Protein backbone atom coordinates (compact mmCIF):
# COMPACT_ATOMS: atom_id res chain seq x y z
CA MET A 1 14.07 81.66 140.98
CA GLN A 2 16.18 78.51 140.51
CA HIS A 3 16.00 75.49 142.80
CA GLY A 4 19.30 76.19 144.55
CA ARG A 5 18.37 79.79 145.17
CA ALA A 6 15.09 78.68 146.75
CA LYS A 7 17.05 76.42 149.09
CA ARG A 8 19.32 79.24 150.19
CA TRP A 9 16.26 81.41 150.74
CA LEU A 10 14.72 78.72 152.94
CA CYS A 11 17.73 78.73 155.23
CA GLY A 12 17.77 82.39 156.11
CA ALA A 13 16.80 84.81 153.37
CA LEU A 14 13.97 87.26 153.84
CA ALA A 15 10.51 86.02 152.92
CA ALA A 16 8.47 87.98 150.38
CA LEU A 17 6.48 90.92 151.64
CA LEU A 18 3.25 89.74 153.19
CA ALA A 19 -0.07 91.23 152.13
CA ALA A 20 -0.18 93.03 155.47
CA GLY A 21 3.18 94.60 154.80
CA ALA A 22 5.29 92.74 157.37
CA VAL A 23 8.54 90.97 156.50
CA SER A 24 9.59 87.82 158.31
CA ARG A 25 11.95 84.91 157.94
CA ALA A 26 10.76 81.31 157.93
CA PRO A 27 12.58 78.90 160.25
CA CYS A 28 14.99 76.64 158.39
CA ALA A 29 13.73 73.26 157.15
CA ALA A 30 15.54 70.09 158.14
CA ALA A 31 14.22 67.60 155.55
CA ALA A 32 15.08 67.47 151.87
CA GLU A 33 13.08 69.67 149.55
CA PRO A 34 9.92 68.19 148.01
CA GLU A 35 9.84 66.78 144.51
CA ILE A 36 7.81 69.25 142.47
CA LYS A 37 6.86 68.30 138.91
CA ALA A 38 6.01 71.81 137.80
CA PRO A 39 7.87 75.01 136.87
CA ALA A 40 6.23 77.17 139.55
CA ALA A 41 5.28 76.40 143.13
CA VAL A 42 4.88 78.07 146.52
CA LEU A 43 4.23 76.75 150.01
CA MET A 44 2.85 79.36 152.43
CA GLU A 45 1.82 79.07 156.07
CA TYR A 46 -1.66 80.57 156.36
CA SER A 47 -1.65 82.41 159.70
CA THR A 48 1.67 84.20 159.21
CA GLY A 49 1.90 84.36 155.42
CA GLU A 50 5.48 83.06 155.63
CA VAL A 51 6.78 81.32 152.53
CA LEU A 52 8.33 77.92 153.28
CA PHE A 53 9.22 76.82 149.77
CA GLU A 54 9.26 78.47 146.36
CA ARG A 55 10.20 77.69 142.79
CA GLY A 56 9.54 80.20 140.04
CA ALA A 57 7.31 81.88 142.59
CA HIS A 58 7.23 85.27 140.87
CA ASP A 59 7.24 84.09 137.26
CA THR A 60 4.18 85.39 135.43
CA ARG A 61 2.06 82.69 133.84
CA PRO A 62 -1.62 81.76 133.34
CA CYS A 63 -3.39 79.94 136.16
CA ALA A 64 -6.60 78.74 134.45
CA SER A 65 -9.60 78.38 136.81
CA ILE A 66 -7.58 79.26 139.89
CA THR A 67 -8.61 82.73 138.68
CA LYS A 68 -11.93 81.89 140.36
CA VAL A 69 -10.26 82.30 143.76
CA MET A 70 -10.37 86.07 143.18
CA THR A 71 -13.89 85.84 141.75
CA LEU A 72 -15.06 84.01 144.86
CA LEU A 73 -13.24 86.45 147.15
CA LEU A 74 -15.16 89.37 145.63
CA VAL A 75 -18.45 87.44 145.81
CA PHE A 76 -17.93 86.61 149.49
CA GLU A 77 -17.02 90.23 150.21
CA ALA A 78 -20.23 91.33 148.44
CA ILE A 79 -22.21 88.91 150.61
CA GLU A 80 -20.44 90.21 153.72
CA ARG A 81 -21.45 93.80 152.99
CA GLY A 82 -25.06 92.80 152.23
CA GLN A 83 -25.07 93.29 148.47
CA LEU A 84 -25.93 89.61 147.96
CA SER A 85 -27.03 86.71 150.12
CA PHE A 86 -26.67 82.99 149.57
CA ASP A 87 -30.44 82.84 149.02
CA THR A 88 -30.42 85.54 146.31
CA VAL A 89 -31.80 84.18 143.03
CA LEU A 90 -29.87 85.26 139.90
CA SER A 91 -30.67 84.89 136.21
CA ALA A 92 -28.13 83.81 133.61
CA SER A 93 -27.40 86.37 130.89
CA ALA A 94 -26.76 85.46 127.27
CA HIS A 95 -23.09 86.27 127.89
CA ALA A 96 -22.90 83.88 130.84
CA ALA A 97 -24.76 81.14 129.00
CA GLY A 98 -22.29 81.43 126.11
CA MET A 99 -19.22 80.52 128.16
CA GLY A 100 -17.18 77.56 126.98
CA GLY A 101 -14.97 75.13 128.83
CA SER A 102 -16.11 73.67 132.13
CA ASP A 103 -19.68 74.74 132.89
CA ILE A 104 -23.08 73.62 134.17
CA TRP A 105 -24.82 74.39 130.87
CA LEU A 106 -26.82 77.41 132.04
CA LYS A 107 -29.46 78.61 129.60
CA GLU A 108 -30.16 82.29 129.10
CA GLY A 109 -32.73 83.37 131.68
CA GLU A 110 -32.26 80.28 133.86
CA GLN A 111 -32.41 81.12 137.54
CA MET A 112 -30.23 79.76 140.32
CA THR A 113 -29.41 80.81 143.88
CA VAL A 114 -26.06 82.32 144.81
CA ASP A 115 -25.52 79.24 146.99
CA ASP A 116 -25.86 76.88 144.03
CA LEU A 117 -23.82 79.12 141.75
CA VAL A 118 -20.97 79.28 144.27
CA LYS A 119 -21.18 75.50 144.67
CA ALA A 120 -20.98 75.03 140.91
CA CYS A 121 -18.11 77.51 140.64
CA VAL A 122 -16.08 75.82 143.39
CA VAL A 123 -16.86 72.14 142.90
CA MET A 124 -17.38 71.91 139.13
CA SER A 125 -15.27 74.98 138.24
CA ALA A 126 -18.23 76.22 136.19
CA ASN A 127 -17.27 79.16 133.99
CA ASP A 128 -20.89 80.14 133.31
CA ALA A 129 -21.70 80.22 137.03
CA ALA A 130 -18.67 82.46 137.66
CA VAL A 131 -19.89 84.97 135.08
CA VAL A 132 -23.41 85.07 136.58
CA LEU A 133 -21.90 85.85 139.98
CA ALA A 134 -19.56 88.47 138.50
CA GLU A 135 -22.42 90.25 136.73
CA ALA A 136 -24.45 90.27 139.95
CA VAL A 137 -21.63 91.96 141.85
CA ALA A 138 -20.53 94.52 139.25
CA GLY A 139 -23.19 94.69 136.54
CA SER A 140 -20.98 93.22 133.82
CA GLU A 141 -18.01 90.90 133.58
CA SER A 142 -15.77 93.72 132.35
CA ALA A 143 -16.68 95.90 135.34
CA PHE A 144 -16.08 92.94 137.63
CA VAL A 145 -12.64 92.35 136.12
CA GLU A 146 -11.75 95.94 137.00
CA LYS A 147 -12.69 95.14 140.60
CA MET A 148 -10.58 91.98 140.45
CA ASN A 149 -7.52 93.93 139.39
CA ALA A 150 -8.13 96.63 141.99
CA ARG A 151 -8.45 94.00 144.74
CA ALA A 152 -5.29 92.29 143.50
CA ALA A 153 -3.43 95.59 143.80
CA GLU A 154 -4.72 96.03 147.35
CA LEU A 155 -3.38 92.59 148.24
CA GLY A 156 0.03 93.40 146.76
CA MET A 157 -0.29 90.94 143.86
CA ALA A 158 2.32 92.66 141.72
CA GLU A 159 2.55 89.96 139.04
CA THR A 160 -1.19 89.63 138.36
CA THR A 161 -3.40 90.97 135.57
CA PHE A 162 -6.91 89.60 135.15
CA LYS A 163 -8.72 89.75 131.82
CA ASN A 164 -11.75 87.60 132.73
CA CYS A 165 -13.42 86.17 135.82
CA ASN A 166 -13.11 82.45 135.11
CA GLY A 167 -9.58 81.79 133.84
CA LEU A 168 -10.21 80.90 130.22
CA ASP A 169 -7.04 81.43 128.19
CA GLU A 170 -6.72 85.07 127.12
CA GLU A 171 -3.68 87.11 126.12
CA GLY A 172 -2.28 89.01 129.09
CA HIS A 173 -4.31 87.10 131.70
CA VAL A 174 -1.45 86.17 134.05
CA THR A 175 -0.47 85.79 137.68
CA SER A 176 2.26 84.05 139.71
CA ALA A 177 2.41 81.20 142.19
CA TYR A 178 3.10 83.67 144.99
CA ASP A 179 0.15 85.87 144.02
CA VAL A 180 -2.12 82.82 143.90
CA ALA A 181 -1.06 81.98 147.47
CA VAL A 182 -1.80 85.57 148.55
CA MET A 183 -5.32 85.62 147.10
CA SER A 184 -5.98 82.09 148.38
CA ARG A 185 -5.04 83.25 151.86
CA ALA A 186 -7.47 86.17 151.54
CA LEU A 187 -10.33 83.91 150.44
CA MET A 188 -9.61 81.48 153.29
CA GLY A 189 -10.36 84.30 155.70
CA HIS A 190 -14.02 83.63 154.83
CA GLU A 191 -14.65 80.41 156.77
CA LYS A 192 -17.84 79.71 154.80
CA ILE A 193 -15.79 78.90 151.70
CA PHE A 194 -14.79 75.56 153.24
CA ASP A 195 -18.44 74.46 153.19
CA TYR A 196 -17.97 74.34 149.42
CA THR A 197 -14.31 73.43 148.91
CA THR A 198 -14.59 70.22 150.96
CA ILE A 199 -17.59 68.88 148.99
CA TRP A 200 -16.85 65.74 147.04
CA ILE A 201 -20.22 65.15 145.34
CA ASP A 202 -23.31 67.37 145.43
CA TYR A 203 -26.18 68.44 143.23
CA VAL A 204 -27.94 71.49 141.81
CA ARG A 205 -31.23 71.88 139.89
CA ASN A 206 -33.07 69.90 142.57
CA GLY A 207 -30.79 66.92 142.17
CA GLU A 208 -30.83 66.84 138.38
CA THR A 209 -27.23 67.99 137.89
CA GLN A 210 -24.43 66.20 139.73
CA LEU A 211 -21.29 68.08 140.71
CA VAL A 212 -18.05 66.17 141.34
CA ASN A 213 -15.11 68.03 142.84
CA THR A 214 -12.23 68.59 140.43
CA ASN A 215 -9.85 68.54 143.43
CA LYS A 216 -9.13 64.84 143.95
CA LEU A 217 -7.13 65.61 147.11
CA VAL A 218 -10.48 66.10 148.85
CA ARG A 219 -10.77 62.31 148.91
CA SER A 220 -7.14 61.37 149.44
CA TYR A 221 -5.17 63.90 151.50
CA ASN A 222 -5.33 63.99 155.30
CA GLY A 223 -6.48 67.40 156.52
CA ILE A 224 -7.35 68.82 153.09
CA ARG A 225 -9.72 71.79 153.09
CA GLY A 226 -9.70 72.83 149.43
CA LEU A 227 -9.11 75.04 147.54
CA LYS A 228 -9.24 75.30 143.71
CA THR A 229 -7.96 73.55 140.59
CA GLY A 230 -7.55 74.79 137.04
CA THR A 231 -6.52 73.41 133.66
CA THR A 232 -6.20 74.98 130.22
CA SER A 233 -3.92 74.35 127.26
CA ASN A 234 -1.87 77.48 128.03
CA ALA A 235 -1.79 77.15 131.83
CA GLY A 236 -1.29 73.41 132.14
CA SER A 237 -2.57 71.70 135.29
CA CYS A 238 -2.71 74.02 138.30
CA ILE A 239 -3.88 73.84 141.89
CA SER A 240 -4.07 75.91 145.05
CA ALA A 241 -4.40 73.34 147.82
CA CYS A 242 -4.86 74.05 151.51
CA ALA A 243 -4.76 71.64 154.42
CA GLU A 244 -4.79 71.82 158.22
CA ARG A 245 -3.07 69.58 160.75
CA GLY A 246 -2.20 70.15 164.38
CA GLY A 247 -3.38 73.75 164.38
CA MET A 248 -1.29 74.73 161.34
CA THR A 249 -2.79 75.49 157.92
CA LEU A 250 -0.70 75.41 154.76
CA ILE A 251 -1.32 76.67 151.22
CA GLY A 252 0.42 74.78 148.42
CA VAL A 253 0.31 76.29 144.93
CA VAL A 254 1.42 74.43 141.80
CA LEU A 255 1.27 76.05 138.37
CA GLY A 256 2.03 74.60 134.96
CA ALA A 257 2.17 70.86 135.72
CA ALA A 258 2.10 68.62 132.66
CA ASN A 259 -0.90 66.60 133.83
CA THR A 260 -3.35 66.19 136.69
CA ASN A 261 -1.33 63.44 138.40
CA ASP A 262 1.76 65.67 138.53
CA ARG A 263 -0.40 68.50 139.84
CA PHE A 264 -1.84 66.48 142.73
CA ASP A 265 1.42 64.68 143.52
CA SER A 266 3.30 67.98 143.66
CA ALA A 267 0.68 69.64 145.84
CA ALA A 268 0.71 66.70 148.26
CA ALA A 269 4.53 66.77 148.33
CA LEU A 270 4.50 70.48 149.16
CA LEU A 271 2.02 70.01 151.99
CA ASP A 272 3.86 66.95 153.35
CA PHE A 273 7.10 68.94 153.33
CA GLY A 274 5.46 71.71 155.34
CA PHE A 275 3.85 69.47 157.95
CA ALA A 276 7.06 67.47 158.38
CA ASN A 277 9.24 70.51 159.00
CA TRP A 278 7.20 73.20 160.75
CA LYS A 279 4.68 73.67 163.51
CA ILE A 280 2.83 76.51 165.21
CA THR A 281 4.02 77.39 168.72
CA ALA A 282 1.83 79.40 171.08
CA PRO A 283 3.88 82.07 172.92
CA GLU A 284 3.55 82.17 176.71
CA LEU A 285 2.68 85.77 177.53
CA PRO A 286 3.89 87.45 180.74
CA ALA A 287 1.51 88.45 183.51
CA LEU A 288 0.42 92.09 183.44
CA PRO A 289 1.02 94.22 186.55
CA GLU A 290 -0.74 97.45 187.40
CA LEU A 291 1.08 100.47 185.97
CA PRO A 292 1.88 103.36 188.35
CA VAL A 293 0.26 106.71 187.47
CA THR A 294 1.84 110.05 188.35
CA GLY A 295 -0.25 113.12 189.03
CA GLY A 296 -3.45 111.10 189.11
CA MET A 297 -6.41 110.64 191.41
CA THR A 298 -5.52 106.94 191.47
CA GLY A 299 -2.05 105.58 191.99
CA SER A 300 -2.14 102.97 189.22
CA VAL A 301 -4.21 101.50 186.42
CA PRO A 302 -4.80 97.86 185.48
CA LEU A 303 -3.55 96.69 182.10
CA SER A 304 -4.82 94.47 179.31
CA ALA A 305 -3.39 93.05 176.09
CA GLY A 306 -4.62 91.14 173.10
CA THR A 307 -3.87 87.50 172.50
CA ALA A 308 -0.74 86.39 170.70
CA ALA A 309 -0.90 84.63 167.37
CA GLY A 310 0.87 81.33 166.97
CA VAL A 311 4.49 81.52 165.84
CA LEU A 312 5.85 79.38 163.03
CA THR A 313 8.76 77.28 164.30
CA ALA A 314 10.85 74.42 162.98
CA VAL A 315 10.00 70.88 164.07
CA GLY A 316 12.69 69.52 166.36
CA GLY A 317 13.55 72.79 168.05
CA GLY A 318 15.93 75.51 167.06
CA GLU A 319 14.95 79.09 167.68
CA GLU A 320 13.24 79.74 171.00
CA VAL A 321 9.95 81.66 171.12
CA THR A 322 9.84 84.22 173.94
CA ALA A 323 7.57 87.07 174.97
CA SER A 324 8.79 90.10 176.93
CA LEU A 325 6.83 92.96 178.47
CA GLU A 326 7.95 96.50 177.64
CA LEU A 327 6.44 99.18 179.90
CA PRO A 328 7.51 102.59 181.23
CA GLU A 329 8.13 102.93 184.98
CA SER A 330 4.99 105.06 185.20
CA VAL A 331 2.57 106.99 183.04
CA PRO A 332 1.34 110.56 183.65
CA ALA A 333 -2.34 111.27 184.25
CA PRO A 334 -4.82 111.55 182.72
CA VAL A 335 -5.05 107.96 181.47
CA THR A 336 -8.07 106.66 179.59
CA ALA A 337 -9.16 103.06 179.15
CA GLY A 338 -7.82 101.70 175.89
CA GLN A 339 -4.81 104.03 175.83
CA VAL A 340 -1.68 102.25 174.60
CA VAL A 341 0.95 102.32 177.32
CA GLY A 342 3.40 99.61 176.24
CA LYS A 343 3.75 96.38 174.31
CA ILE A 344 4.59 92.71 174.51
CA ARG A 345 7.38 91.78 172.12
CA VAL A 346 7.31 88.21 170.79
CA THR A 347 10.58 86.96 169.36
CA ARG A 348 11.71 83.85 167.50
CA GLY A 349 15.41 83.60 168.20
CA GLU A 350 16.61 87.16 167.71
CA GLU A 351 13.81 88.11 165.30
CA THR A 352 10.75 90.07 166.44
CA VAL A 353 7.71 88.36 164.94
CA GLN A 354 4.88 90.10 166.84
CA GLU A 355 4.29 93.24 168.85
CA ILE A 356 1.12 93.18 170.93
CA PRO A 357 -0.13 96.54 172.27
CA VAL A 358 -0.63 96.80 176.03
CA THR A 359 -3.44 99.16 176.97
CA ALA A 360 -4.88 100.70 180.11
CA ALA A 361 -7.91 98.78 181.37
CA GLY A 362 -9.24 101.71 183.37
CA ASP A 363 -9.21 105.50 183.71
CA ALA A 364 -6.96 107.64 185.90
CA GLU A 365 -8.15 111.22 186.27
CA ALA A 366 -5.49 113.92 186.61
CA ILE A 367 -5.32 115.89 189.85
CA THR A 368 -6.85 119.35 189.47
CA PHE A 369 -8.24 121.76 192.03
CA LEU A 370 -11.76 120.58 191.18
CA SER A 371 -10.92 116.88 191.27
CA ALA A 372 -9.06 117.29 194.57
CA PHE A 373 -12.02 119.21 196.01
CA ARG A 374 -14.41 116.45 194.94
CA TYR A 375 -12.10 113.90 196.50
CA LEU A 376 -12.10 115.77 199.83
CA LEU A 377 -15.88 116.00 199.74
CA ARG A 378 -16.15 112.25 199.22
CA CYS A 379 -13.77 111.65 202.10
CA PHE A 380 -15.81 114.00 204.32
CA PHE A 381 -19.28 112.65 203.51
CA PHE A 382 -18.34 109.02 202.98
CA ALA A 383 -15.73 108.52 205.67
CA GLN A 384 -13.95 105.19 205.63
CA PRO A 385 -14.03 102.87 208.64
CA GLU A 386 -11.44 103.59 211.30
CA GLY A 387 -8.11 102.01 210.42
CA ALA A 388 -8.86 101.65 206.70
CA ASP A 389 -6.26 102.87 204.23
CA PRO A 390 -7.25 105.99 202.28
CA ALA A 391 -7.63 105.78 198.48
CA PRO A 392 -4.20 106.18 196.89
CA VAL A 393 -3.36 109.53 195.29
CA ASN A 394 0.02 109.85 193.58
CA ILE A 395 1.06 113.48 193.14
CA SER A 396 4.74 112.97 192.29
């Protein structure tokens, strides 16, 4: 997509389909577009998945060690389901020990914890550590790559094909800036990853091997939280950078920069552009009344609703964020707790950006001969004090 087309998209075109399947439009930016010294770039807001800037976003190209974002996602998912733990000790295979490029010089049979291997993979971008982790999850790197491609398909990464787990140059190993943002967003859902991506200097092998973060923004950019760099001769200098300020988290992806300075400058420019032009606004939700029940042993039921997510809005105003309650006049019995009875619609301008289910917070039994008989028995044996109002029964 050319620069001018990206600008038109920013000011009203539909954003790309989010991984969750929703389509939404980013509020229009006021400031000039950032200077990006790379052929492909994307800026995505984390909580909504809305794309705020793009250039060559869907062009297929290599991404070097940013491939490890998917590797780490599968490792964290394996830990989450109990297949591995951070204390698990793994042994390096001959295949892992034979990796080239950036590595921590693992020897065949050398043992290291998952914690240290993840650290080496994130901070040092160690190719050998990535292969050890991949083999632990799937038995072999080739089997793991199949899982990588399956997970990419689940996330809607239509421009991605993985051929290895570490990003070394290989024919047909490609992705896109947009797909990198999508898988970065998925990995960021595992909060533990930031324990590693924000490290500047650390050690493995009991302090014998020093790890220095390849992401120099960790030391220089306000609010940076990671995420991953990558460089090969085919891919150029690449980065997926994420940062948080004022309750908003952004993902800036740069692929194919000519050098590391251009990579970091472009990523910082993307993030600056996002923080200067957008913010997250918390919708004010309406109060929930009790909902009348017809044909029930009780006349109404209390209601509950989930919390609203923040809404991406332009700095300096523009489209108003509102929340409106949509309920029927009444609901027929029986009603069970948790039953969806309505919704809260959150809008940005004229666009619906969220629909929050409203549910019954209690039960309302339908009137039957047996329930009415039980009610009369209760009234007879547990008479209310004189002058008290009887329990409401709505039989309309």
